[in-house]
Amino acid sequence: MSGKFVLQWGEFDLEPTEGYVEGPTRDDVRSIVLHLGLCENGFVVLAQSESKFIQTGIADPEEPEAGLVVQYRDGGNDKHFQLNDEFVDAARAVEMLLAYFDDPKTIGEKGPWVRIEG
């Protein structure tokens, strides 16, 4: 299933600071999200298209130890959700991105999620 995804990351304060992989593997996803967990800034996006993706990033660059946020989008603005856990650790973010990697259609069942307004 990996051929349909693009993995992108950026704004990391540790090398590799940014990157892009077409057709990533599960190990690519796991490695870069765990790397994000060691950083004080940055984001990772696993995308099928511009409007269908899951992403994680440092919740608060002023307090990187607070953890990560995880969001997914399945089309328009009304289908943009955030994991209802205030902040998660890198292991939970890996779990969510790999669940999306395995079957994007079931990510809504992996929540709890809250819709992002706007």
PDB file of N, CA and C in Angstrom:
ATOM      1  N   MET A   1       0.804  -1.206   0.000  1.00  0.00           N
ATOM      2  CA  MET A   1       0.000   0.000   0.000  1.00  0.00           C
ATOM      3  C   MET A   1       0.847   1.270   0.000  1.00  0.00           C
ATOM      4  N   SER A   2       2.144   1.145   0.276  1.00  0.00           N
ATOM      5  CA  SER A   2       2.965   2.336   0.473  1.00  0.00           C
ATOM      6  C   SER A   2       3.140   3.181  -0.784  1.00  0.00           C
ATOM      7  N   GLY A   3       2.939   2.625  -1.975  1.00  0.00           N
ATOM      8  CA  GLY A   3       3.139   3.371  -3.196  1.00  0.00           C
ATOM      9  C   GLY A   3       2.214   4.560  -3.351  1.00  0.00           C
ATOM     10  N   LYS A   4       1.131   4.579  -2.607  1.00  0.00           N
ATOM     11  CA  LYS A   4       0.177   5.671  -2.751  1.00  0.00           C
ATOM     12  C   LYS A   4       0.436   6.828  -1.799  1.00  0.00           C
ATOM     13  N   PHE A   5       1.478   6.763  -0.983  1.00  0.00           N
ATOM     14  CA  PHE A   5       1.749   7.791   0.012  1.00  0.00           C
ATOM     15  C   PHE A   5       2.996   8.608  -0.308  1.00  0.00           C
ATOM     16  N   VAL A   6       3.009   9.802   0.277  1.00  0.00           N
ATOM     17  CA  VAL A   6       4.197  10.644   0.311  1.00  0.00           C
ATOM     18  C   VAL A   6       4.449  10.956   1.783  1.00  0.00           C
ATOM     19  N   LEU A   7       5.673  10.828   2.213  1.00  0.00           N
ATOM     20  CA  LEU A   7       6.082  11.162   3.575  1.00  0.00           C
ATOM     21  C   LEU A   7       6.931  12.423   3.498  1.00  0.00           C
ATOM     22  N   GLN A   8       6.547  13.434   4.255  1.00  0.00           N
ATOM     23  CA  GLN A   8       7.267  14.701   4.223  1.00  0.00           C
ATOM     24  C   GLN A   8       7.489  15.171   5.657  1.00  0.00           C
ATOM     25  N   TRP A   9       8.647  15.777   5.912  1.00  0.00           N
ATOM     26  CA  TRP A   9       8.921  16.344   7.223  1.00  0.00           C
ATOM     27  C   TRP A   9       9.739  17.599   7.069  1.00  0.00           C
ATOM     28  N   GLY A  10       9.660  18.453   8.091  1.00  0.00           N
ATOM     29  CA  GLY A  10      10.401  19.700   8.024  1.00  0.00           C
ATOM     30  C   GLY A  10      10.479  20.410   9.354  1.00  0.00           C
ATOM     31  N   GLU A  11      11.294  21.462   9.344  1.00  0.00           N
ATOM     32  CA  GLU A  11      11.513  22.346  10.488  1.00  0.00           C
ATOM     33  C   GLU A  11      12.123  21.644  11.698  1.00  0.00           C
ATOM     34  N   PHE A  12      12.747  20.466  11.479  1.00  0.00           N
ATOM     35  CA  PHE A  12      13.419  19.779  12.583  1.00  0.00           C
ATOM     36  C   PHE A  12      14.648  20.586  12.982  1.00  0.00           C
ATOM     37  N   ASP A  13      14.981  20.552  14.255  1.00  0.00           N
ATOM     38  CA  ASP A  13      16.189  21.241  14.701  1.00  0.00           C
ATOM     39  C   ASP A  13      17.384  20.286  14.768  1.00  0.00           C
ATOM     40  N   LEU A  14      17.184  19.011  14.442  1.00  0.00           N
ATOM     41  CA  LEU A  14      18.255  18.022  14.378  1.00  0.00           C
ATOM     42  C   LEU A  14      18.257  17.415  12.968  1.00  0.00           C
ATOM     43  N   GLU A  15      19.425  17.013  12.485  1.00  0.00           N
ATOM     44  CA  GLU A  15      19.527  16.396  11.156  1.00  0.00           C
ATOM     45  C   GLU A  15      18.863  15.027  11.152  1.00  0.00           C
ATOM     46  N   PRO A  16      18.164  14.619  10.108  1.00  0.00           N
ATOM     47  CA  PRO A  16      17.838  15.393   8.919  1.00  0.00           C
ATOM     48  C   PRO A  16      16.728  16.406   9.215  1.00  0.00           C
ATOM     49  N   THR A  17      16.941  17.649   8.836  1.00  0.00           N
ATOM     50  CA  THR A  17      16.015  18.723   9.192  1.00  0.00           C
ATOM     51  C   THR A  17      14.766  18.757   8.317  1.00  0.00           C
ATOM     52  N   GLU A  18      14.836  18.189   7.119  1.00  0.00           N
ATOM     53  CA  GLU A  18      13.673  18.135   6.237  1.00  0.00           C
ATOM     54  C   GLU A  18      13.862  17.026   5.221  1.00  0.00           C
ATOM     55  N   GLY A  19      12.744  16.571   4.657  1.00  0.00           N
ATOM     56  CA  GLY A  19      12.848  15.518   3.658  1.00  0.00           C
ATOM     57  C   GLY A  19      11.516  15.162   3.051  1.00  0.00           C
ATOM     58  N   TYR A  20      11.585  14.291   2.041  1.00  0.00           N
ATOM     59  CA  TYR A  20      10.431  13.921   1.241  1.00  0.00           C
ATOM     60  C   TYR A  20      10.699  12.539   0.658  1.00  0.00           C
ATOM     61  N   VAL A  21       9.762  11.607   0.869  1.00  0.00           N
ATOM     62  CA  VAL A  21       9.916  10.256   0.328  1.00  0.00           C
ATOM     63  C   VAL A  21       8.614   9.856  -0.359  1.00  0.00           C
ATOM     64  N   GLU A  22       8.688   9.503  -1.630  1.00  0.00           N
ATOM     65  CA  GLU A  22       7.530   8.951  -2.325  1.00  0.00           C
ATOM     66  C   GLU A  22       7.538   7.447  -2.112  1.00  0.00           C
ATOM     67  N   GLY A  23       6.387   6.891  -1.735  1.00  0.00           N
ATOM     68  CA  GLY A  23       6.294   5.455  -1.504  1.00  0.00           C
ATOM     69  C   GLY A  23       7.083   5.000  -0.289  1.00  0.00           C
ATOM     70  N   PRO A  24       6.898   5.651   0.853  1.00  0.00           N
ATOM     71  CA  PRO A  24       7.664   5.266   2.050  1.00  0.00           C
ATOM     72  C   PRO A  24       7.288   3.873   2.548  1.00  0.00           C
ATOM     73  N   THR A  25       8.187   3.294   3.327  1.00  0.00           N
ATOM     74  CA  THR A  25       7.928   2.021   3.987  1.00  0.00           C
ATOM     75  C   THR A  25       7.445   2.300   5.415  1.00  0.00           C
ATOM     76  N   ARG A  26       6.958   1.257   6.075  1.00  0.00           N
ATOM     77  CA  ARG A  26       6.583   1.385   7.492  1.00  0.00           C
ATOM     78  C   ARG A  26       7.792   1.846   8.310  1.00  0.00           C
ATOM     79  N   ASP A  27       8.970   1.318   7.994  1.00  0.00           N
ATOM     80  CA  ASP A  27      10.173   1.717   8.728  1.00  0.00           C
ATOM     81  C   ASP A  27      10.513   3.184   8.509  1.00  0.00           C
ATOM     82  N   ASP A  28      10.293   3.702   7.300  1.00  0.00           N
ATOM     83  CA  ASP A  28      10.512   5.131   7.044  1.00  0.00           C
ATOM     84  C   ASP A  28       9.620   5.967   7.951  1.00  0.00           C
ATOM     85  N   VAL A  29       8.347   5.609   8.019  1.00  0.00           N
ATOM     86  CA  VAL A  29       7.396   6.353   8.838  1.00  0.00           C
ATOM     87  C   VAL A  29       7.797   6.291  10.308  1.00  0.00           C
ATOM     88  N   ARG A  30       8.055   5.096  10.793  1.00  0.00           N
ATOM     89  CA  ARG A  30       8.436   4.907  12.196  1.00  0.00           C
ATOM     90  C   ARG A  30       9.692   5.713  12.531  1.00  0.00           C
ATOM     91  N   SER A  31      10.699   5.604  11.720  1.00  0.00           N
ATOM     92  CA  SER A  31      11.982   6.262  12.002  1.00  0.00           C
ATOM     93  C   SER A  31      11.860   7.780  12.065  1.00  0.00           C
ATOM     94  N   ILE A  32      11.149   8.375  11.110  1.00  0.00           N
ATOM     95  CA  ILE A  32      11.107   9.835  11.082  1.00  0.00           C
ATOM     96  C   ILE A  32      10.213  10.379  12.191  1.00  0.00           C
ATOM     97  N   VAL A  33       9.152   9.665  12.568  1.00  0.00           N
ATOM     98  CA  VAL A  33       8.319  10.134  13.681  1.00  0.00           C
ATOM     99  C   VAL A  33       9.082  10.000  14.998  1.00  0.00           C
ATOM    100  N   LEU A  34       9.817   8.919  15.184  1.00  0.00           N
ATOM    101  CA  LEU A  34      10.629   8.788  16.393  1.00  0.00           C
ATOM    102  C   LEU A  34      11.705   9.868  16.441  1.00  0.00           C
ATOM    103  N   HIS A  35      12.265  10.212  15.287  1.00  0.00           N
ATOM    104  CA  HIS A  35      13.249  11.298  15.212  1.00  0.00           C
ATOM    105  C   HIS A  35      12.598  12.625  15.619  1.00  0.00           C
ATOM    106  N   LEU A  36      11.378  12.868  15.142  1.00  0.00           N
ATOM    107  CA  LEU A  36      10.641  14.074  15.526  1.00  0.00           C
ATOM    108  C   LEU A  36      10.515  14.158  17.042  1.00  0.00           C
ATOM    109  N   GLY A  37      10.271  13.023  17.689  1.00  0.00           N
ATOM    110  CA  GLY A  37      10.129  12.998  19.148  1.00  0.00           C
ATOM    111  C   GLY A  37      11.362  13.460  19.886  1.00  0.00           C
ATOM    112  N   LEU A  38      12.513  13.462  19.224  1.00  0.00           N
ATOM    113  CA  LEU A  38      13.766  13.922  19.842  1.00  0.00           C
ATOM    114  C   LEU A  38      14.025  15.405  19.592  1.00  0.00           C
ATOM    115  N   CYS A  39      13.218  16.009  18.741  1.00  0.00           N
ATOM    116  CA  CYS A  39      13.424  17.396  18.339  1.00  0.00           C
ATOM    117  C   CYS A  39      12.620  18.365  19.209  1.00  0.00           C
ATOM    118  N   GLU A  40      12.950  19.636  19.082  1.00  0.00           N
ATOM    119  CA  GLU A  40      12.219  20.680  19.791  1.00  0.00           C
ATOM    120  C   GLU A  40      11.256  21.411  18.856  1.00  0.00           C
ATOM    121  N   ASN A  41      11.280  21.059  17.583  1.00  0.00           N
ATOM    122  CA  ASN A  41      10.419  21.697  16.596  1.00  0.00           C
ATOM    123  C   ASN A  41      10.265  20.739  15.425  1.00  0.00           C
ATOM    124  N   GLY A  42       9.181  20.892  14.663  1.00  0.00           N
ATOM    125  CA  GLY A  42       9.040  20.120  13.444  1.00  0.00           C
ATOM    126  C   GLY A  42       7.687  19.474  13.278  1.00  0.00           C
ATOM    127  N   PHE A  43       7.511  18.870  12.087  1.00  0.00           N
ATOM    128  CA  PHE A  43       6.266  18.192  11.735  1.00  0.00           C
ATOM    129  C   PHE A  43       6.563  17.048  10.779  1.00  0.00           C
ATOM    130  N   VAL A  44       5.630  16.101  10.712  1.00  0.00           N
ATOM    131  CA  VAL A  44       5.679  14.984   9.767  1.00  0.00           C
ATOM    132  C   VAL A  44       4.289  14.842   9.162  1.00  0.00           C
ATOM    133  N   VAL A  45       4.227  14.671   7.843  1.00  0.00           N
ATOM    134  CA  VAL A  45       2.957  14.470   7.144  1.00  0.00           C
ATOM    135  C   VAL A  45       3.066  13.197   6.309  1.00  0.00           C
ATOM    136  N   LEU A  46       2.067  12.325   6.453  1.00  0.00           N
ATOM    137  CA  LEU A  46       1.924  11.145   5.595  1.00  0.00           C
ATOM    138  C   LEU A  46       0.662  11.386   4.778  1.00  0.00           C
ATOM    139  N   ALA A  47       0.831  11.608   3.471  1.00  0.00           N
ATOM    140  CA  ALA A  47      -0.284  12.081   2.654  1.00  0.00           C
ATOM    141  C   ALA A  47      -0.594  11.163   1.489  1.00  0.00           C
ATOM    142  N   GLN A  48      -1.901  11.073   1.215  1.00  0.00           N
ATOM    143  CA  GLN A  48      -2.388  10.456  -0.019  1.00  0.00           C
ATOM    144  C   GLN A  48      -2.571  11.541  -1.074  1.00  0.00           C
ATOM    145  N   SER A  49      -2.981  12.739  -0.609  1.00  0.00           N
ATOM    146  CA  SER A  49      -3.193  13.898  -1.478  1.00  0.00           C
ATOM    147  C   SER A  49      -3.135  15.140  -0.588  1.00  0.00           C
ATOM    148  N   GLU A  50      -3.350  16.308  -1.183  1.00  0.00           N
ATOM    149  CA  GLU A  50      -3.320  17.546  -0.393  1.00  0.00           C
ATOM    150  C   GLU A  50      -4.431  17.610   0.635  1.00  0.00           C
ATOM    151  N   SER A  51      -5.533  16.898   0.403  1.00  0.00           N
ATOM    152  CA  SER A  51      -6.659  16.966   1.332  1.00  0.00           C
ATOM    153  C   SER A  51      -6.914  15.649   2.080  1.00  0.00           C
ATOM    154  N   LYS A  52      -6.039  14.671   1.898  1.00  0.00           N
ATOM    155  CA  LYS A  52      -6.162  13.396   2.611  1.00  0.00           C
ATOM    156  C   LYS A  52      -4.800  13.032   3.182  1.00  0.00           C
ATOM    157  N   PHE A  53      -4.690  13.195   4.510  1.00  0.00           N
ATOM    158  CA  PHE A  53      -3.395  12.996   5.149  1.00  0.00           C
ATOM    159  C   PHE A  53      -3.559  12.802   6.650  1.00  0.00           C
ATOM    160  N   ILE A  54      -2.475  12.364   7.272  1.00  0.00           N
ATOM    161  CA  ILE A  54      -2.339  12.389   8.714  1.00  0.00           C
ATOM    162  C   ILE A  54      -1.035  13.112   8.994  1.00  0.00           C
ATOM    163  N   GLN A  55      -1.009  13.878  10.078  1.00  0.00           N
ATOM    164  CA  GLN A  55       0.193  14.642  10.400  1.00  0.00           C
ATOM    165  C   GLN A  55       0.397  14.688  11.903  1.00  0.00           C
ATOM    166  N   THR A  56       1.637  14.866  12.275  1.00  0.00           N
ATOM    167  CA  THR A  56       1.983  15.055  13.677  1.00  0.00           C
ATOM    168  C   THR A  56       3.054  16.136  13.753  1.00  0.00           C
ATOM    169  N   GLY A  57       3.094  16.802  14.884  1.00  0.00           N
ATOM    170  CA  GLY A  57       4.084  17.852  15.060  1.00  0.00           C
ATOM    171  C   GLY A  57       4.251  18.183  16.529  1.00  0.00           C
ATOM    172  N   ILE A  58       5.313  18.900  16.823  1.00  0.00           N
ATOM    173  CA  ILE A  58       5.563  19.350  18.185  1.00  0.00           C
ATOM    174  C   ILE A  58       4.407  20.260  18.588  1.00  0.00           C
ATOM    175  N   ALA A  59       3.765  19.927  19.707  1.00  0.00           N
ATOM    176  CA  ALA A  59       2.584  20.667  20.143  1.00  0.00           C
ATOM    177  C   ALA A  59       2.905  22.119  20.461  1.00  0.00           C
ATOM    178  N   ASP A  60       4.033  22.341  21.127  1.00  0.00           N
ATOM    179  CA  ASP A  60       4.399  23.687  21.555  1.00  0.00           C
ATOM    180  C   ASP A  60       5.914  23.815  21.517  1.00  0.00           C
ATOM    181  N   PRO A  61       6.468  24.481  20.486  1.00  0.00           N
ATOM    182  CA  PRO A  61       7.919  24.621  20.397  1.00  0.00           C
ATOM    183  C   PRO A  61       8.551  25.284  21.627  1.00  0.00           C
ATOM    184  N   GLU A  62       7.765  26.052  22.368  1.00  0.00           N
ATOM    185  CA  GLU A  62       8.283  26.663  23.597  1.00  0.00           C
ATOM    186  C   GLU A  62       8.434  25.623  24.711  1.00  0.00           C
ATOM    187  N   GLU A  63       7.663  24.532  24.611  1.00  0.00           N
ATOM    188  CA  GLU A  63       7.719  23.444  25.585  1.00  0.00           C
ATOM    189  C   GLU A  63       7.679  22.105  24.853  1.00  0.00           C
ATOM    190  N   PRO A  64       8.754  21.742  24.121  1.00  0.00           N
ATOM    191  CA  PRO A  64       8.729  20.523  23.312  1.00  0.00           C
ATOM    192  C   PRO A  64       8.511  19.261  24.132  1.00  0.00           C
ATOM    193  N   GLU A  65       8.844  19.296  25.420  1.00  0.00           N
ATOM    194  CA  GLU A  65       8.639  18.130  26.265  1.00  0.00           C
ATOM    195  C   GLU A  65       7.157  17.838  26.488  1.00  0.00           C
ATOM    196  N   ALA A  66       6.289  18.794  26.131  1.00  0.00           N
ATOM    197  CA  ALA A  66       4.845  18.592  26.284  1.00  0.00           C
ATOM    198  C   ALA A  66       4.343  17.482  25.365  1.00  0.00           C
ATOM    199  N   GLY A  67       5.001  17.262  24.239  1.00  0.00           N
ATOM    200  CA  GLY A  67       4.621  16.174  23.355  1.00  0.00           C
ATOM    201  C   GLY A  67       4.188  16.622  21.975  1.00  0.00           C
ATOM    202  N   LEU A  68       3.465  15.735  21.319  1.00  0.00           N
ATOM    203  CA  LEU A  68       3.054  15.911  19.934  1.00  0.00           C
ATOM    204  C   LEU A  68       1.537  15.985  19.821  1.00  0.00           C
ATOM    205  N   VAL A  69       1.066  16.596  18.760  1.00  0.00           N
ATOM    206  CA  VAL A  69      -0.345  16.534  18.389  1.00  0.00           C
ATOM    207  C   VAL A  69      -0.431  15.677  17.131  1.00  0.00           C
ATOM    208  N   VAL A  70      -1.580  15.023  16.942  1.00  0.00           N
ATOM    209  CA  VAL A  70      -1.826  14.213  15.743  1.00  0.00           C
ATOM    210  C   VAL A  70      -3.151  14.657  15.147  1.00  0.00           C
ATOM    211  N   GLN A  71      -3.144  14.901  13.849  1.00  0.00           N
ATOM    212  CA  GLN A  71      -4.350  15.315  13.130  1.00  0.00           C
ATOM    213  C   GLN A  71      -4.470  14.503  11.847  1.00  0.00           C
ATOM    214  N   TYR A  72      -5.722  14.304  11.412  1.00  0.00           N
ATOM    215  CA  TYR A  72      -5.920  13.742  10.078  1.00  0.00           C
ATOM    216  C   TYR A  72      -7.013  14.507   9.362  1.00  0.00           C
ATOM    217  N   ARG A  73      -6.944  14.444   8.051  1.00  0.00           N
ATOM    218  CA  ARG A  73      -7.930  15.113   7.205  1.00  0.00           C
ATOM    219  C   ARG A  73      -8.349  14.136   6.117  1.00  0.00           C
ATOM    220  N   ASP A  74      -9.652  14.076   5.873  1.00  0.00           N
ATOM    221  CA  ASP A  74     -10.203  13.150   4.894  1.00  0.00           C
ATOM    222  C   ASP A  74     -11.073  13.893   3.902  1.00  0.00           C
ATOM    223  N   GLY A  75     -10.532  14.924   3.293  1.00  0.00           N
ATOM    224  CA  GLY A  75     -11.272  15.710   2.320  1.00  0.00           C
ATOM    225  C   GLY A  75     -11.320  17.176   2.712  1.00  0.00           C
ATOM    226  N   GLY A  76     -12.530  17.739   2.733  1.00  0.00           N
ATOM    227  CA  GLY A  76     -12.708  19.167   2.984  1.00  0.00           C
ATOM    228  C   GLY A  76     -12.444  19.597   4.413  1.00  0.00           C
ATOM    229  N   ASN A  77     -12.600  20.912   4.648  1.00  0.00           N
ATOM    230  CA  ASN A  77     -12.350  21.491   5.970  1.00  0.00           C
ATOM    231  C   ASN A  77     -13.198  20.864   7.064  1.00  0.00           C
ATOM    232  N   ASP A  78     -14.376  20.383   6.719  1.00  0.00           N
ATOM    233  CA  ASP A  78     -15.255  19.780   7.723  1.00  0.00           C
ATOM    234  C   ASP A  78     -14.836  18.356   8.076  1.00  0.00           C
ATOM    235  N   LYS A  79     -13.803  17.856   7.448  1.00  0.00           N
ATOM    236  CA  LYS A  79     -13.300  16.505   7.716  1.00  0.00           C
ATOM    237  C   LYS A  79     -11.859  16.549   8.206  1.00  0.00           C
ATOM    238  N   HIS A  80     -11.560  17.524   9.067  1.00  0.00           N
ATOM    239  CA  HIS A  80     -10.227  17.706   9.643  1.00  0.00           C
ATOM    240  C   HIS A  80     -10.354  17.478  11.147  1.00  0.00           C
ATOM    241  N   PHE A  81      -9.604  16.523  11.671  1.00  0.00           N
ATOM    242  CA  PHE A  81      -9.751  16.086  13.062  1.00  0.00           C
ATOM    243  C   PHE A  81      -8.419  16.066  13.790  1.00  0.00           C
ATOM    244  N   GLN A  82      -8.493  16.224  15.107  1.00  0.00           N
ATOM    245  CA  GLN A  82      -7.307  16.121  15.964  1.00  0.00           C
ATOM    246  C   GLN A  82      -7.562  15.057  17.012  1.00  0.00           C
ATOM    247  N   LEU A  83      -6.529  14.270  17.289  1.00  0.00           N
ATOM    248  CA  LEU A  83      -6.625  13.266  18.343  1.00  0.00           C
ATOM    249  C   LEU A  83      -6.987  13.966  19.641  1.00  0.00           C
ATOM    250  N   ASN A  84      -7.955  13.457  20.351  1.00  0.00           N
ATOM    251  CA  ASN A  84      -8.498  14.130  21.528  1.00  0.00           C
ATOM    252  C   ASN A  84      -7.578  14.061  22.743  1.00  0.00           C
ATOM    253  N   ASP A  85      -6.503  13.295  22.673  1.00  0.00           N
ATOM    254  CA  ASP A  85      -5.503  13.317  23.741  1.00  0.00           C
ATOM    255  C   ASP A  85      -4.800  14.661  23.626  1.00  0.00           C
ATOM    256  N   GLU A  86      -4.653  15.379  24.738  1.00  0.00           N
ATOM    257  CA  GLU A  86      -4.082  16.726  24.650  1.00  0.00           C
ATOM    258  C   GLU A  86      -2.743  16.701  23.918  1.00  0.00           C
ATOM    259  N   PHE A  87      -1.825  15.889  24.394  1.00  0.00           N
ATOM    260  CA  PHE A  87      -0.542  15.696  23.723  1.00  0.00           C
ATOM    261  C   PHE A  87      -0.208  14.211  23.809  1.00  0.00           C
ATOM    262  N   VAL A  88       0.520  13.718  22.819  1.00  0.00           N
ATOM    263  CA  VAL A  88       0.914  12.308  22.820  1.00  0.00           C
ATOM    264  C   VAL A  88       2.428  12.205  22.715  1.00  0.00           C
ATOM    265  N   ASP A  89       2.950  11.034  23.079  1.00  0.00           N
ATOM    266  CA  ASP A  89       4.383  10.809  22.913  1.00  0.00           C
ATOM    267  C   ASP A  89       4.641  10.266  21.507  1.00  0.00           C
ATOM    268  N   ALA A  90       5.914  10.134  21.168  1.00  0.00           N
ATOM    269  CA  ALA A  90       6.284   9.702  19.818  1.00  0.00           C
ATOM    270  C   ALA A  90       5.774   8.293  19.522  1.00  0.00           C
ATOM    271  N   ALA A  91       5.754   7.416  20.517  1.00  0.00           N
ATOM    272  CA  ALA A  91       5.268   6.051  20.297  1.00  0.00           C
ATOM    273  C   ALA A  91       3.802   6.054  19.870  1.00  0.00           C
ATOM    274  N   ARG A  92       2.974   6.881  20.513  1.00  0.00           N
ATOM    275  CA  ARG A  92       1.547   6.967  20.149  1.00  0.00           C
ATOM    276  C   ARG A  92       1.398   7.585  18.757  1.00  0.00           C
ATOM    277  N   ALA A  93       2.204   8.594  18.440  1.00  0.00           N
ATOM    278  CA  ALA A  93       2.162   9.200  17.105  1.00  0.00           C
ATOM    279  C   ALA A  93       2.552   8.173  16.044  1.00  0.00           C
ATOM    280  N   VAL A  94       3.579   7.369  16.311  1.00  0.00           N
ATOM    281  CA  VAL A  94       3.970   6.305  15.379  1.00  0.00           C
ATOM    282  C   VAL A  94       2.803   5.343  15.177  1.00  0.00           C
ATOM    283  N   GLU A  95       2.173   4.941  16.273  1.00  0.00           N
ATOM    284  CA  GLU A  95       1.033   4.028  16.202  1.00  0.00           C
ATOM    285  C   GLU A  95      -0.058   4.577  15.279  1.00  0.00           C
ATOM    286  N   MET A  96      -0.365   5.852  15.415  1.00  0.00           N
ATOM    287  CA  MET A  96      -1.433   6.452  14.618  1.00  0.00           C
ATOM    288  C   MET A  96      -1.042   6.587  13.141  1.00  0.00           C
ATOM    289  N   LEU A  97       0.182   7.017  12.866  1.00  0.00           N
ATOM    290  CA  LEU A  97       0.604   7.151  11.471  1.00  0.00           C
ATOM    291  C   LEU A  97       0.703   5.791  10.790  1.00  0.00           C
ATOM    292  N   LEU A  98       1.142   4.770  11.523  1.00  0.00           N
ATOM    293  CA  LEU A  98       1.200   3.435  10.930  1.00  0.00           C
ATOM    294  C   LEU A  98      -0.194   2.852  10.711  1.00  0.00           C
ATOM    295  N   ALA A  99      -1.135   3.169  11.589  1.00  0.00           N
ATOM    296  CA  ALA A  99      -2.512   2.731  11.387  1.00  0.00           C
ATOM    297  C   ALA A  99      -3.056   3.344  10.095  1.00  0.00           C
ATOM    298  N   TYR A 100      -2.759   4.610   9.856  1.00  0.00           N
ATOM    299  CA  TYR A 100      -3.171   5.286   8.627  1.00  0.00           C
ATOM    300  C   TYR A 100      -2.475   4.660   7.420  1.00  0.00           C
ATOM    301  N   PHE A 101      -1.207   4.383   7.573  1.00  0.00           N
ATOM    302  CA  PHE A 101      -0.422   3.751   6.513  1.00  0.00           C
ATOM    303  C   PHE A 101      -1.052   2.409   6.118  1.00  0.00           C
ATOM    304  N   ASP A 102      -1.462   1.634   7.120  1.00  0.00           N
ATOM    305  CA  ASP A 102      -2.029   0.306   6.868  1.00  0.00           C
ATOM    306  C   ASP A 102      -3.416   0.370   6.234  1.00  0.00           C
ATOM    307  N   ASP A 103      -4.254   1.322   6.683  1.00  0.00           N
ATOM    308  CA  ASP A 103      -5.608   1.428   6.148  1.00  0.00           C
ATOM    309  C   ASP A 103      -6.201   2.788   6.497  1.00  0.00           C
ATOM    310  N   PRO A 104      -6.031   3.786   5.622  1.00  0.00           N
ATOM    311  CA  PRO A 104      -6.526   5.134   5.911  1.00  0.00           C
ATOM    312  C   PRO A 104      -8.026   5.196   6.206  1.00  0.00           C
ATOM    313  N   LYS A 105      -8.791   4.277   5.628  1.00  0.00           N
ATOM    314  CA  LYS A 105     -10.240   4.309   5.804  1.00  0.00           C
ATOM    315  C   LYS A 105     -10.669   4.026   7.239  1.00  0.00           C
ATOM    316  N   THR A 106      -9.806   3.389   8.032  1.00  0.00           N
ATOM    317  CA  THR A 106     -10.195   3.032   9.400  1.00  0.00           C
ATOM    318  C   THR A 106      -9.606   3.967  10.464  1.00  0.00           C
ATOM    319  N   ILE A 107      -8.905   5.019  10.063  1.00  0.00           N
ATOM    320  CA  ILE A 107      -8.256   5.879  11.044  1.00  0.00           C
ATOM    321  C   ILE A 107      -9.274   6.535  11.979  1.00  0.00           C
ATOM    322  N   GLY A 108     -10.457   6.816  11.503  1.00  0.00           N
ATOM    323  CA  GLY A 108     -11.490   7.413  12.339  1.00  0.00           C
ATOM    324  C   GLY A 108     -11.877   6.546  13.518  1.00  0.00           C
ATOM    325  N   GLU A 109     -11.657   5.236  13.403  1.00  0.00           N
ATOM    326  CA  GLU A 109     -11.971   4.302  14.480  1.00  0.00           C
ATOM    327  C   GLU A 109     -10.856   4.227  15.519  1.00  0.00           C
ATOM    328  N   LYS A 110      -9.726   4.818  15.247  1.00  0.00           N
ATOM    329  CA  LYS A 110      -8.550   4.704  16.117  1.00  0.00           C
ATOM    330  C   LYS A 110      -8.472   5.807  17.153  1.00  0.00           C
ATOM    331  N   GLY A 111      -9.456   6.704  17.186  1.00  0.00           N
ATOM    332  CA  GLY A 111      -9.477   7.897  18.021  1.00  0.00           C
ATOM    333  C   GLY A 111      -9.473   7.636  19.508  1.00  0.00           C
ATOM    334  N   PRO A 112      -9.981   8.528  20.281  1.00  0.00           N
ATOM    335  CA  PRO A 112     -11.028   9.506  19.962  1.00  0.00           C
ATOM    336  C   PRO A 112     -10.489  10.747  19.238  1.00  0.00           C
ATOM    337  N   TRP A 113     -11.296  11.272  18.330  1.00  0.00           N
ATOM    338  CA  TRP A 113     -10.965  12.446  17.540  1.00  0.00           C
ATOM    339  C   TRP A 113     -11.980  13.548  17.806  1.00  0.00           C
ATOM    340  N   VAL A 114     -11.536  14.785  17.651  1.00  0.00           N
ATOM    341  CA  VAL A 114     -12.450  15.930  17.692  1.00  0.00           C
ATOM    342  C   VAL A 114     -12.247  16.714  16.394  1.00  0.00           C
ATOM    343  N   ARG A 115     -13.352  17.212  15.859  1.00  0.00           N
ATOM    344  CA  ARG A 115     -13.275  17.969  14.612  1.00  0.00           C
ATOM    345  C   ARG A 115     -12.620  19.331  14.870  1.00  0.00           C
ATOM    346  N   ILE A 116     -11.747  19.723  13.958  1.00  0.00           N
ATOM    347  CA  ILE A 116     -11.103  21.032  14.034  1.00  0.00           C
ATOM    348  C   ILE A 116     -12.004  22.023  13.318  1.00  0.00           C
ATOM    349  N   GLU A 117     -12.413  23.034  14.007  1.00  0.00           N
ATOM    350  CA  GLU A 117     -13.287  24.061  13.421  1.00  0.00           C
ATOM    351  C   GLU A 117     -12.471  24.996  12.549  1.00  0.00           C
ATOM    352  N   GLY A 118     -13.072  25.412  11.436  1.00  0.00           N
ATOM    353  CA  GLY A 118     -12.424  26.426  10.613  1.00  0.00           C
ATOM    354  C   GLY A 118     -11.897  25.899   9.385  1.00  0.00           C
TER     355      GLY A 118
END
